[in-house]
Amino acid sequence: MTSTIRPMLAIGLLLCPCTAQAIPATPGADLPACLPAGATPDTLTAAQRRAIDEFVRGSMNELDLVPGISIAIVRGDQLVYANGFGWANVERLEPATAETIYYLASESKAQTAMAAAVLATEGRLDLDDPITRWFPGLTFPDSLAPADSTTLRNLLSHTPRFLNGGVNFYTTFVGRYADDDLVRVLNGYSTPNRGFQYSNMSYALVSLILGKAAAEPWQDVIASRVFDPVGMTSSTAYASRLPIHGVAAPYTRTTKGFVERPPLKTDDKITGAGGFYSNVRDLARYVIANLDEGRIDGRQALPAAAVREVQRPQSEVDATFFEFARHHYGLGLYLADYDGDLLVHHFGGIAGGFRSHMSFMPEHGLSVVVLQNSGGAGGAYPEIVATYIYDLLLGRDDVEARARRRLDTLAAASPDRLKAATLQAARMDSAAAAGHVPALDLRAYLGTYENERIGRVRVRPGADGLRVDWGEIDAPMVSIGDNDFLVRWQPGYAPATWTFHVERNGVTGFDWGGRPFRRVAGGP
């Protein structure tokens, strides 16, 4: 692809970020390293602002993978940059701004962990309490470590002595468990775990513990202990409390353009593992408080002890994400090395919808927040933007070369990803157009089916065939022949194949990728 990062590239010139002067664009040459004139620890120069604006506009146009993006930069205790590019809503031509609200996905774990740390300073809980204090019915079998050997700190640092894929799945996509059902599933279907294992299950349990400890809805705990004190006035853990306007719509990029997805979450499908909504201005305030031991606007918004606790290394990690060498996890925060600098961060993403990036460098008092309303082929773009900004503001001498390499890597991978997304989006429609005839009359498949780990689903008649009710999921089914059906169970995810089992007396259940469901009631 032809580079459009900077308009001047086409005429053989570069814009120096230090002086804002045009300089010859010698092939292979990097921009000079220097301290921009007029820069202080809590400001940006006009040249730096122009460089960032031009990079984002140019690279978005070049890649054409992201409909909208919002960015905030913090230096010291000041928000020094906040801007939006592209569209928050493509159909309504609603521009993305610094005020646009996005779904945060797993970045929410940072605020959940902070709320737990704050409650600990209040004495409402102890991070080293066994979780059986809050779930006394947990009595794991002998094949697992004792239930009381896992503490709240273990959950917050992703080091529980057990894992449960059913709880992970159900709380993320289907809805809330009743307490008795949750304990039953944990007792009966958990597996052993040792060491660090990232899992939404842990933070789904944490959110329930927060509610029990504070004797109020856990979403209100997040608001009263984090959002309100910090002044995050546009942030919420309730999908039902979003404003009518100013919220980014989720998109998947296919070869046919940006395809809007249905709303991703309801209140019952939001947990402390992911699901909060915010904008870059609010997250910038959150970072400022983290950079100054809980202080913002000259006041103590968060307890200093809580801020220190979430940033302290709690569990060892050995993994690389993008170019960040992660070595520890705190409480709701990764600690990583980026070119010799400590990068504290948490990101989030959901297929076909959103990506969030929140990071800060404590030693430099520097932070970048990036939110965008698509994932998929453009999923790495927030990290490309953030690293460009860090490289630029830290005065590195290879800013443009690094950015060019990252953009080229993303561009090279995008055709295959776009093709895959297009095929996935069209799979249900293609199956419906093929006119496959199932082995049995559609009425034979009606009924209620149960998997003891992930709940009950109901197959019912719909206007155009069969549909599935599963918690808050209302999904279409399309025959692909014999007793197999495609089910579009979640926007942005590949349709699932359900294979129904038939015996002499009729349909007895179905299988979904190794998850057996037995029929417990007939239809409709």
Protein backbone atom coordinates (compact mmCIF):
# COMPACT_ATOMS: atom_id res chain seq x y z
CA MET A 1 0.00 0.00 0.00
CA THR A 2 1.12 3.56 -0.62
CA SER A 3 2.00 5.35 2.56
CA THR A 4 -0.26 8.18 3.64
CA ILE A 5 1.02 8.55 7.17
CA ARG A 6 2.13 12.09 6.44
CA PRO A 7 0.91 14.22 3.53
CA MET A 8 4.48 15.42 2.91
CA LEU A 9 5.76 11.92 2.16
CA ALA A 10 4.38 12.17 -1.35
CA ILE A 11 6.72 15.05 -2.17
CA GLY A 12 9.79 13.59 -0.47
CA LEU A 13 9.60 15.53 2.80
CA LEU A 14 9.05 14.62 6.43
CA LEU A 15 7.66 16.76 9.24
CA CYS A 16 10.17 16.88 12.06
CA PRO A 17 8.32 16.37 15.39
CA CYS A 18 10.85 18.56 17.17
CA THR A 19 10.77 21.70 15.05
CA ALA A 20 7.71 21.26 12.79
CA GLN A 21 10.03 22.01 9.85
CA ALA A 22 9.98 20.03 6.61
CA ILE A 23 13.15 17.99 6.09
CA PRO A 24 14.30 15.82 3.16
CA ALA A 25 12.89 12.28 3.25
CA THR A 26 16.01 10.23 2.62
CA PRO A 27 15.11 6.55 2.02
CA GLY A 28 15.88 4.52 5.12
CA ALA A 29 16.61 7.59 7.25
CA ASP A 30 14.95 8.07 10.64
CA LEU A 31 13.72 11.29 12.14
CA PRO A 32 16.24 12.96 14.43
CA ALA A 33 16.00 12.39 18.17
CA CYS A 34 15.65 15.55 20.24
CA LEU A 35 13.70 17.20 23.02
CA PRO A 36 10.98 19.31 21.35
CA ALA A 37 11.33 23.00 21.98
CA GLY A 38 8.78 24.23 24.46
CA ALA A 39 7.94 20.77 25.77
CA THR A 40 7.57 20.27 29.52
CA PRO A 41 6.61 17.15 31.47
CA ASP A 42 2.93 18.14 31.30
CA THR A 43 2.49 19.58 27.80
CA LEU A 44 2.74 18.69 24.14
CA THR A 45 4.22 20.95 21.51
CA ALA A 46 2.15 22.06 18.53
CA ALA A 47 4.43 19.97 16.33
CA GLN A 48 3.78 16.85 18.39
CA ARG A 49 0.05 17.41 18.19
CA ARG A 50 0.24 17.80 14.42
CA ALA A 51 2.39 14.70 14.10
CA ILE A 52 -0.10 12.60 16.07
CA ASP A 53 -3.11 13.97 14.18
CA GLU A 54 -1.47 13.36 10.81
CA PHE A 55 -0.30 9.88 11.74
CA VAL A 56 -3.76 8.77 12.85
CA ARG A 57 -5.62 10.36 9.93
CA GLY A 58 -3.14 9.04 7.41
CA SER A 59 -2.91 5.50 8.77
CA MET A 60 -6.69 5.17 9.21
CA ASN A 61 -7.20 6.21 5.59
CA GLU A 62 -4.43 3.90 4.42
CA LEU A 63 -5.61 0.80 6.28
CA ASP A 64 -9.37 1.41 6.11
CA LEU A 65 -9.92 -1.14 8.88
CA VAL A 66 -11.26 1.02 11.71
CA PRO A 67 -14.42 3.18 11.53
CA GLY A 68 -13.73 5.32 14.59
CA ILE A 69 -11.11 5.88 17.25
CA SER A 70 -10.61 8.17 20.25
CA ILE A 71 -7.29 8.97 21.91
CA ALA A 72 -6.15 10.62 25.13
CA ILE A 73 -2.63 11.36 26.35
CA VAL A 74 -1.61 12.17 29.92
CA ARG A 75 1.66 13.78 30.97
CA GLY A 76 2.21 14.23 34.67
CA ASP A 77 -1.12 15.12 36.21
CA GLN A 78 -2.59 16.71 33.08
CA LEU A 79 -4.67 15.54 30.14
CA VAL A 80 -2.60 17.07 27.33
CA TYR A 81 -4.33 15.58 24.29
CA ALA A 82 -7.85 14.30 23.57
CA ASN A 83 -9.24 13.77 20.11
CA GLY A 84 -11.40 11.52 17.98
CA PHE A 85 -11.15 10.40 14.36
CA GLY A 86 -13.57 8.74 11.97
CA TRP A 87 -17.07 7.66 12.87
CA ALA A 88 -18.68 6.53 16.10
CA ASN A 89 -21.69 5.57 13.99
CA VAL A 90 -21.13 5.10 10.27
CA GLU A 91 -24.80 4.98 9.29
CA ARG A 92 -25.70 8.19 11.15
CA LEU A 93 -22.42 9.90 10.24
CA GLU A 94 -21.82 10.56 13.94
CA PRO A 95 -18.15 11.49 14.39
CA ALA A 96 -15.91 9.89 17.01
CA THR A 97 -14.79 12.46 19.59
CA ALA A 98 -12.97 12.49 22.90
CA GLU A 99 -16.42 12.28 24.54
CA THR A 100 -17.60 9.21 22.60
CA ILE A 101 -18.43 6.30 24.91
CA TYR A 102 -17.07 2.85 24.02
CA TYR A 103 -17.50 -0.63 25.39
CA LEU A 104 -14.29 -1.46 27.28
CA ALA A 105 -14.39 -5.29 27.37
CA SER A 106 -11.58 -6.69 29.56
CA GLU A 107 -10.05 -3.31 30.36
CA SER A 108 -12.85 -3.26 32.96
CA LYS A 109 -10.79 -5.64 35.10
CA ALA A 110 -8.59 -2.70 36.10
CA GLN A 111 -11.50 -0.86 37.72
CA THR A 112 -12.91 -4.05 39.27
CA ALA A 113 -9.59 -4.78 40.94
CA MET A 114 -9.33 -1.20 42.16
CA ALA A 115 -12.79 -1.42 43.74
CA ALA A 116 -11.70 -4.58 45.57
CA ALA A 117 -8.53 -2.88 46.80
CA VAL A 118 -10.55 0.11 48.02
CA LEU A 119 -12.98 -2.14 49.91
CA ALA A 120 -9.95 -3.76 51.54
CA THR A 121 -8.79 -0.37 52.85
CA GLU A 122 -12.29 0.11 54.27
CA GLY A 123 -12.07 -3.21 56.09
CA ARG A 124 -15.06 -4.65 54.26
CA LEU A 125 -12.98 -7.51 52.94
CA ASP A 126 -9.48 -8.93 53.12
CA LEU A 127 -7.73 -9.72 49.87
CA ASP A 128 -6.31 -12.84 51.52
CA ASP A 129 -9.68 -14.14 52.68
CA PRO A 130 -10.54 -17.57 51.24
CA ILE A 131 -13.37 -17.30 48.76
CA THR A 132 -15.37 -19.76 50.88
CA ARG A 133 -16.08 -16.78 53.13
CA TRP A 134 -18.32 -15.52 50.33
CA PHE A 135 -19.33 -18.88 48.85
CA PRO A 136 -19.60 -21.19 51.89
CA GLY A 137 -21.13 -23.95 49.79
CA LEU A 138 -17.92 -24.55 47.86
CA THR A 139 -16.68 -28.05 48.69
CA PHE A 140 -14.46 -29.16 45.85
CA PRO A 141 -13.84 -32.89 45.34
CA ASP A 142 -10.54 -34.47 46.39
CA SER A 143 -9.17 -34.14 42.84
CA LEU A 144 -9.00 -30.38 43.36
CA ALA A 145 -7.21 -28.26 45.91
CA PRO A 146 -9.44 -27.41 48.89
CA ALA A 147 -11.88 -24.61 48.10
CA ASP A 148 -10.55 -22.48 50.95
CA SER A 149 -7.03 -22.53 49.43
CA THR A 150 -8.10 -19.97 46.82
CA THR A 151 -8.24 -16.38 48.04
CA LEU A 152 -9.70 -13.20 46.62
CA ARG A 153 -6.12 -12.17 45.79
CA ASN A 154 -5.76 -15.36 43.73
CA LEU A 155 -8.84 -14.46 41.71
CA LEU A 156 -7.64 -10.88 41.18
CA SER A 157 -4.17 -12.05 40.07
CA HIS A 158 -5.49 -14.92 37.89
CA THR A 159 -3.92 -17.58 40.10
CA PRO A 160 -6.92 -19.53 41.51
CA ARG A 161 -6.39 -23.21 42.32
CA PHE A 162 -9.24 -24.11 39.95
CA LEU A 163 -10.76 -23.12 36.60
CA ASN A 164 -14.25 -23.54 35.21
CA GLY A 165 -14.91 -23.06 31.50
CA GLY A 166 -18.67 -23.29 31.98
CA VAL A 167 -18.74 -20.34 34.38
CA ASN A 168 -16.37 -18.47 32.09
CA PHE A 169 -18.68 -18.99 29.11
CA TYR A 170 -22.05 -18.54 30.80
CA THR A 171 -21.26 -15.30 32.62
CA THR A 172 -19.67 -13.79 29.50
CA PHE A 173 -22.35 -14.63 26.96
CA VAL A 174 -25.56 -15.93 28.54
CA GLY A 175 -26.42 -14.21 31.80
CA ARG A 176 -26.27 -14.45 35.58
CA TYR A 177 -26.28 -17.57 37.70
CA ALA A 178 -28.40 -17.93 40.78
CA ASP A 179 -26.00 -18.44 43.70
CA ASP A 180 -27.02 -22.08 44.17
CA ASP A 181 -26.50 -22.88 40.50
CA LEU A 182 -23.12 -21.16 40.49
CA VAL A 183 -21.89 -23.17 43.47
CA ARG A 184 -23.24 -26.39 41.94
CA VAL A 185 -21.39 -25.79 38.68
CA LEU A 186 -18.19 -24.80 40.47
CA ASN A 187 -18.30 -27.86 42.72
CA GLY A 188 -19.14 -30.32 39.98
CA TYR A 189 -17.24 -29.17 36.92
CA SER A 190 -14.09 -27.29 37.94
CA THR A 191 -10.61 -28.40 36.92
CA PRO A 192 -7.23 -27.98 38.68
CA ASN A 193 -5.04 -24.96 38.00
CA ARG A 194 -1.53 -23.94 38.97
CA GLY A 195 0.11 -20.59 38.36
CA PHE A 196 -1.12 -17.71 36.22
CA GLN A 197 -4.10 -18.44 33.98
CA TYR A 198 -6.00 -15.48 32.57
CA SER A 199 -9.72 -16.15 32.88
CA ASN A 200 -12.94 -14.16 32.92
CA MET A 201 -14.23 -16.66 35.48
CA SER A 202 -12.01 -15.17 38.19
CA TYR A 203 -13.29 -11.63 37.73
CA ALA A 204 -16.90 -12.73 37.35
CA LEU A 205 -16.57 -14.23 40.84
CA VAL A 206 -14.81 -11.10 42.12
CA SER A 207 -17.72 -8.89 41.07
CA LEU A 208 -20.14 -11.08 43.04
CA ILE A 209 -17.86 -10.88 46.07
CA LEU A 210 -17.78 -7.08 45.83
CA GLY A 211 -21.56 -6.98 46.00
CA LYS A 212 -21.66 -9.32 48.99
CA ALA A 213 -18.95 -7.38 50.85
CA ALA A 214 -20.57 -3.97 50.35
CA ALA A 215 -24.18 -5.21 50.59
CA GLU A 216 -25.15 -3.42 47.39
CA PRO A 217 -25.15 -4.23 43.66
CA TRP A 218 -21.57 -4.77 42.55
CA GLN A 219 -22.04 -2.26 39.70
CA ASP A 220 -22.80 0.39 42.31
CA VAL A 221 -19.63 -0.60 44.18
CA ILE A 222 -17.59 0.18 41.05
CA ALA A 223 -19.34 3.54 40.75
CA SER A 224 -19.06 4.59 44.40
CA ARG A 225 -15.48 3.42 44.93
CA VAL A 226 -13.91 4.23 41.57
CA PHE A 227 -15.95 6.15 39.01
CA ASP A 228 -17.44 8.78 41.32
CA PRO A 229 -14.33 9.59 43.39
CA VAL A 230 -12.14 9.92 40.29
CA GLY A 231 -14.73 12.03 38.47
CA MET A 232 -15.44 9.54 35.69
CA THR A 233 -18.82 11.02 34.89
CA SER A 234 -19.36 9.18 31.58
CA SER A 235 -18.50 5.70 32.88
CA THR A 236 -20.91 2.97 33.92
CA ALA A 237 -21.17 -0.76 34.50
CA TYR A 238 -24.83 -0.70 33.41
CA ALA A 239 -25.69 -1.09 29.73
CA SER A 240 -29.20 0.12 30.59
CA ARG A 241 -27.87 3.52 31.72
CA LEU A 242 -26.10 4.48 28.52
CA PRO A 243 -27.23 7.73 26.89
CA ILE A 244 -29.19 7.57 23.64
CA HIS A 245 -26.53 9.46 21.72
CA GLY A 246 -22.76 9.62 21.92
CA VAL A 247 -22.16 5.86 22.22
CA ALA A 248 -20.02 4.17 19.56
CA ALA A 249 -21.69 1.41 17.56
CA PRO A 250 -19.77 -1.88 17.17
CA TYR A 251 -18.56 -2.92 13.71
CA THR A 252 -16.93 -5.79 11.88
CA ARG A 253 -14.85 -4.93 8.81
CA THR A 254 -15.48 -7.27 5.86
CA THR A 255 -14.56 -7.05 2.19
CA LYS A 256 -17.92 -5.35 1.70
CA GLY A 257 -17.26 -2.60 4.23
CA PHE A 258 -18.14 -2.02 7.87
CA VAL A 259 -21.01 -4.16 9.14
CA GLU A 260 -22.75 -2.89 12.26
CA ARG A 261 -23.35 -5.44 14.99
CA PRO A 262 -26.30 -5.60 17.40
CA PRO A 263 -25.71 -4.29 20.94
CA LEU A 264 -23.20 -6.56 22.63
CA LYS A 265 -24.25 -6.54 26.26
CA THR A 266 -27.18 -6.25 28.62
CA ASP A 267 -26.92 -5.69 32.36
CA ASP A 268 -27.15 -9.42 33.08
CA LYS A 269 -24.22 -10.21 30.75
CA ILE A 270 -21.86 -7.66 32.29
CA THR A 271 -19.53 -8.80 35.06
CA GLY A 272 -16.40 -7.44 36.64
CA ALA A 273 -14.47 -9.36 33.98
CA GLY A 274 -15.63 -7.08 31.20
CA GLY A 275 -18.45 -4.88 30.13
CA PHE A 276 -17.98 -1.36 31.47
CA TYR A 277 -18.48 1.66 29.23
CA SER A 278 -16.35 4.80 29.25
CA ASN A 279 -14.59 7.41 27.14
CA VAL A 280 -10.96 8.46 26.83
CA ARG A 281 -11.40 11.55 29.00
CA ASP A 282 -12.65 9.44 31.91
CA LEU A 283 -9.93 6.83 31.49
CA ALA A 284 -7.35 9.62 31.38
CA ARG A 285 -8.58 10.74 34.79
CA TYR A 286 -8.30 7.17 36.03
CA VAL A 287 -4.69 7.01 34.83
CA ILE A 288 -3.83 10.37 36.44
CA ALA A 289 -5.02 8.98 39.78
CA ASN A 290 -2.91 5.86 39.25
CA LEU A 291 0.18 7.90 38.41
CA ASP A 292 -0.09 9.97 41.61
CA GLU A 293 -1.05 7.35 44.22
CA GLY A 294 -4.74 8.14 43.99
CA ARG A 295 -4.58 11.94 43.80
CA ILE A 296 -6.32 14.04 41.17
CA ASP A 297 -7.41 17.68 41.10
CA GLY A 298 -5.42 18.28 44.28
CA ARG A 299 -7.37 15.74 46.34
CA GLN A 300 -7.08 12.10 47.37
CA ALA A 301 -9.66 10.36 45.17
CA LEU A 302 -8.47 6.78 45.73
CA PRO A 303 -6.65 5.41 48.78
CA ALA A 304 -2.92 5.45 48.12
CA ALA A 305 -2.60 1.96 49.60
CA ALA A 306 -5.16 0.64 47.11
CA VAL A 307 -3.32 2.20 44.16
CA ARG A 308 -0.01 0.75 45.29
CA GLU A 309 -1.60 -2.68 45.77
CA VAL A 310 -3.07 -2.99 42.28
CA GLN A 311 0.22 -1.95 40.66
CA ARG A 312 2.38 -4.24 42.79
CA PRO A 313 3.58 -7.45 41.05
CA GLN A 314 1.36 -10.27 42.31
CA SER A 315 1.91 -13.17 39.90
CA GLU A 316 4.58 -14.02 37.37
CA VAL A 317 3.78 -13.92 33.66
CA ASP A 318 5.93 -14.93 30.72
CA ALA A 319 4.18 -13.76 27.56
CA THR A 320 4.43 -11.16 24.83
CA PHE A 321 1.48 -9.17 23.55
CA PHE A 322 2.22 -7.05 20.48
CA GLU A 323 5.69 -5.73 21.44
CA PHE A 324 5.09 -5.73 25.19
CA ALA A 325 7.03 -8.35 27.15
CA ARG A 326 4.68 -9.10 30.03
CA HIS A 327 6.49 -10.29 33.15
CA HIS A 328 3.99 -9.82 35.99
CA TYR A 329 0.31 -9.25 36.68
CA GLY A 330 -0.73 -6.99 39.53
CA LEU A 331 -4.41 -6.75 40.39
CA GLY A 332 -6.24 -5.96 37.16
CA LEU A 333 -3.05 -4.68 35.52
CA TYR A 334 -0.25 -6.23 33.47
CA LEU A 335 3.34 -5.13 34.01
CA ALA A 336 5.47 -5.34 30.88
CA ASP A 337 8.71 -4.14 29.35
CA TYR A 338 8.54 -1.93 26.28
CA ASP A 339 12.00 -0.98 25.06
CA GLY A 340 13.39 -0.91 28.57
CA ASP A 341 10.49 1.05 30.07
CA LEU A 342 7.89 -0.34 32.47
CA LEU A 343 4.47 -0.30 30.80
CA VAL A 344 1.53 -0.85 33.17
CA HIS A 345 -1.58 -1.68 31.21
CA HIS A 346 -4.76 -3.56 30.54
CA PHE A 347 -6.43 -3.96 27.18
CA GLY A 348 -9.79 -5.32 26.07
CA GLY A 349 -11.54 -6.56 22.99
CA ILE A 350 -14.55 -8.40 21.71
CA ALA A 351 -14.89 -10.01 18.31
CA GLY A 352 -16.63 -7.83 15.78
CA GLY A 353 -17.04 -4.87 18.06
CA PHE A 354 -14.48 -2.99 20.14
CA ARG A 355 -10.84 -2.73 21.22
CA SER A 356 -9.56 -0.79 24.22
CA HIS A 357 -6.02 0.17 25.22
CA MET A 358 -5.12 1.79 28.54
CA SER A 359 -1.44 2.01 29.47
CA PHE A 360 0.95 4.19 31.42
CA MET A 361 4.67 4.50 32.12
CA PRO A 362 5.07 5.43 35.80
CA GLU A 363 8.73 6.43 35.44
CA HIS A 364 7.89 8.95 32.74
CA GLY A 365 4.50 10.06 34.06
CA LEU A 366 3.15 9.29 30.60
CA SER A 367 -0.04 7.52 29.51
CA VAL A 368 -1.92 6.70 26.33
CA VAL A 369 -5.57 5.65 26.09
CA VAL A 370 -7.01 4.42 22.79
CA LEU A 371 -10.58 3.22 22.17
CA GLN A 372 -11.97 2.01 18.83
CA ASN A 373 -15.25 0.53 17.64
CA SER A 374 -14.02 -2.53 15.72
CA GLY A 375 -11.81 -5.54 16.27
CA GLY A 376 -11.01 -8.28 13.80
CA ALA A 377 -8.65 -7.24 11.02
CA GLY A 378 -7.93 -3.88 12.67
CA GLY A 379 -7.56 -5.27 16.17
CA ALA A 380 -3.88 -4.33 16.54
CA TYR A 381 -4.38 -0.72 15.53
CA PRO A 382 -4.71 0.72 19.08
CA GLU A 383 -1.27 -0.68 19.93
CA ILE A 384 0.20 0.78 16.74
CA VAL A 385 -1.18 4.19 17.68
CA ALA A 386 -0.06 3.93 21.31
CA THR A 387 3.49 2.85 20.50
CA TYR A 388 3.80 5.61 17.90
CA ILE A 389 2.83 8.13 20.57
CA TYR A 390 5.18 6.71 23.18
CA ASP A 391 8.06 6.61 20.69
CA LEU A 392 7.37 10.17 19.58
CA LEU A 393 7.07 11.65 23.07
CA LEU A 394 10.07 9.77 24.43
CA GLY A 395 12.22 11.17 21.63
CA ARG A 396 13.21 7.86 20.07
CA ASP A 397 15.18 8.17 16.85
CA ASP A 398 13.31 5.59 14.75
CA VAL A 399 9.70 6.69 15.23
CA GLU A 400 8.66 6.64 11.59
CA ALA A 401 10.50 3.41 10.73
CA ARG A 402 8.87 1.59 13.62
CA ALA A 403 5.42 2.86 12.70
CA ARG A 404 5.91 1.95 9.03
CA ARG A 405 6.92 -1.61 9.93
CA ARG A 406 3.91 -2.10 12.21
CA LEU A 407 1.47 -0.70 9.67
CA ASP A 408 2.93 -2.86 6.91
CA THR A 409 2.57 -5.95 9.09
CA LEU A 410 -1.06 -5.17 9.83
CA ALA A 411 -1.79 -4.35 6.18
CA ALA A 412 -0.19 -7.59 4.98
CA ALA A 413 -2.39 -9.68 7.26
CA SER A 414 -5.63 -7.80 6.60
CA PRO A 415 -6.72 -9.39 3.26
CA ASP A 416 -6.91 -12.89 4.75
CA ARG A 417 -8.63 -11.58 7.88
CA LEU A 418 -11.15 -9.60 5.87
CA LYS A 419 -11.89 -12.62 3.71
CA ALA A 420 -12.40 -14.81 6.78
CA ALA A 421 -14.69 -12.21 8.39
CA THR A 422 -16.70 -11.92 5.19
CA LEU A 423 -17.17 -15.67 4.88
CA GLN A 424 -18.14 -15.91 8.52
CA ALA A 425 -20.68 -13.11 8.22
CA ALA A 426 -22.22 -14.72 5.13
CA ARG A 427 -22.21 -18.32 6.34
CA MET A 428 -25.72 -18.27 7.80
CA ASP A 429 -27.15 -16.52 4.74
CA SER A 430 -25.38 -18.95 2.42
CA ALA A 431 -26.73 -21.92 4.34
CA ALA A 432 -30.25 -20.50 4.23
CA ALA A 433 -30.00 -19.86 0.49
CA ALA A 434 -28.83 -23.43 -0.10
CA GLY A 435 -32.21 -24.67 1.06
CA HIS A 436 -30.98 -27.69 3.00
CA VAL A 437 -33.75 -29.98 4.23
CA PRO A 438 -33.33 -31.44 7.73
CA ALA A 439 -33.81 -35.13 8.36
CA LEU A 440 -36.93 -34.53 10.46
CA ASP A 441 -39.84 -32.15 10.40
CA LEU A 442 -38.82 -28.91 12.15
CA ARG A 443 -41.38 -29.54 14.88
CA ALA A 444 -39.39 -32.59 15.98
CA TYR A 445 -36.53 -30.38 17.20
CA LEU A 446 -38.65 -28.11 19.36
CA GLY A 447 -38.16 -28.31 23.10
CA THR A 448 -35.92 -27.48 26.07
CA TYR A 449 -32.38 -28.81 26.28
CA GLU A 450 -30.00 -28.73 29.22
CA ASN A 451 -26.28 -28.87 29.81
CA GLU A 452 -25.52 -29.06 33.51
CA ARG A 453 -22.53 -26.74 33.12
CA ILE A 454 -23.93 -23.97 30.94
CA GLY A 455 -27.68 -24.06 31.45
CA ARG A 456 -30.86 -24.52 29.48
CA VAL A 457 -31.76 -23.53 25.93
CA ARG A 458 -35.16 -23.59 24.27
CA VAL A 459 -35.67 -24.30 20.59
CA ARG A 460 -38.87 -22.61 19.45
CA PRO A 461 -40.64 -21.68 16.22
CA GLY A 462 -39.65 -18.42 14.58
CA ALA A 463 -40.97 -16.37 11.67
CA ASP A 464 -38.38 -17.85 9.28
CA GLY A 465 -37.70 -21.22 10.90
CA LEU A 466 -36.31 -22.28 14.27
CA ARG A 467 -34.87 -19.97 16.89
CA VAL A 468 -33.03 -20.47 20.17
CA ASP A 469 -33.75 -18.77 23.51
CA TRP A 470 -30.78 -19.01 25.88
CA GLY A 471 -30.73 -16.57 28.75
CA GLU A 472 -30.87 -13.26 26.91
CA ILE A 473 -29.72 -14.81 23.62
CA ASP A 474 -32.31 -14.96 20.83
CA ALA A 475 -30.54 -16.73 17.97
CA PRO A 476 -31.60 -18.03 14.53
CA MET A 477 -31.06 -21.65 13.43
CA VAL A 478 -30.50 -22.76 9.83
CA SER A 479 -30.44 -26.35 8.60
CA ILE A 480 -27.26 -27.56 6.89
CA GLY A 481 -28.67 -31.02 6.21
CA ASP A 482 -29.33 -34.23 8.14
CA ASN A 483 -29.72 -33.29 11.84
CA ASP A 484 -27.14 -30.49 11.77
CA PHE A 485 -27.97 -26.80 12.21
CA LEU A 486 -25.99 -23.58 12.24
CA VAL A 487 -26.78 -21.28 15.17
CA ARG A 488 -25.76 -17.61 15.16
CA TRP A 489 -25.46 -17.57 18.93
CA GLN A 490 -23.43 -14.37 19.37
CA PRO A 491 -22.82 -11.35 17.10
CA GLY A 492 -19.26 -11.23 15.82
CA TYR A 493 -18.53 -14.89 16.55
CA ALA A 494 -18.55 -17.80 14.11
CA PRO A 495 -21.90 -19.62 13.91
CA ALA A 496 -22.01 -22.78 16.00
CA THR A 497 -22.85 -26.21 14.58
CA TRP A 498 -25.40 -28.13 16.64
CA THR A 499 -25.80 -31.84 15.86
CA PHE A 500 -29.08 -33.26 17.14
CA HIS A 501 -29.22 -36.86 18.34
CA VAL A 502 -32.17 -39.00 17.25
CA GLU A 503 -33.24 -42.30 18.74
CA ARG A 504 -36.31 -44.45 18.24
CA ASN A 505 -38.50 -42.15 20.32
CA GLY A 506 -37.31 -38.97 18.63
CA VAL A 507 -34.78 -36.24 19.36
CA THR A 508 -32.95 -36.83 22.64
CA GLY A 509 -30.46 -33.96 22.66
CA PHE A 510 -27.73 -32.26 20.69
CA ASP A 511 -23.98 -31.77 20.79
CA TRP A 512 -22.12 -28.48 20.40
CA GLY A 513 -18.40 -29.03 20.02
CA GLY A 514 -18.19 -31.59 22.80
CA ARG A 515 -20.81 -29.91 24.96
CA PRO A 516 -23.74 -32.35 25.26
CA PHE A 517 -27.26 -31.06 25.84
CA ARG A 518 -30.05 -33.47 26.78
CA ARG A 519 -33.69 -32.86 25.98
CA VAL A 520 -35.64 -32.26 29.18
CA ALA A 521 -38.98 -31.07 27.76
CA GLY A 522 -40.83 -31.14 24.48
CA GLY A 523 -41.89 -28.15 22.43
CA PRO A 524 -43.05 -25.72 21.43
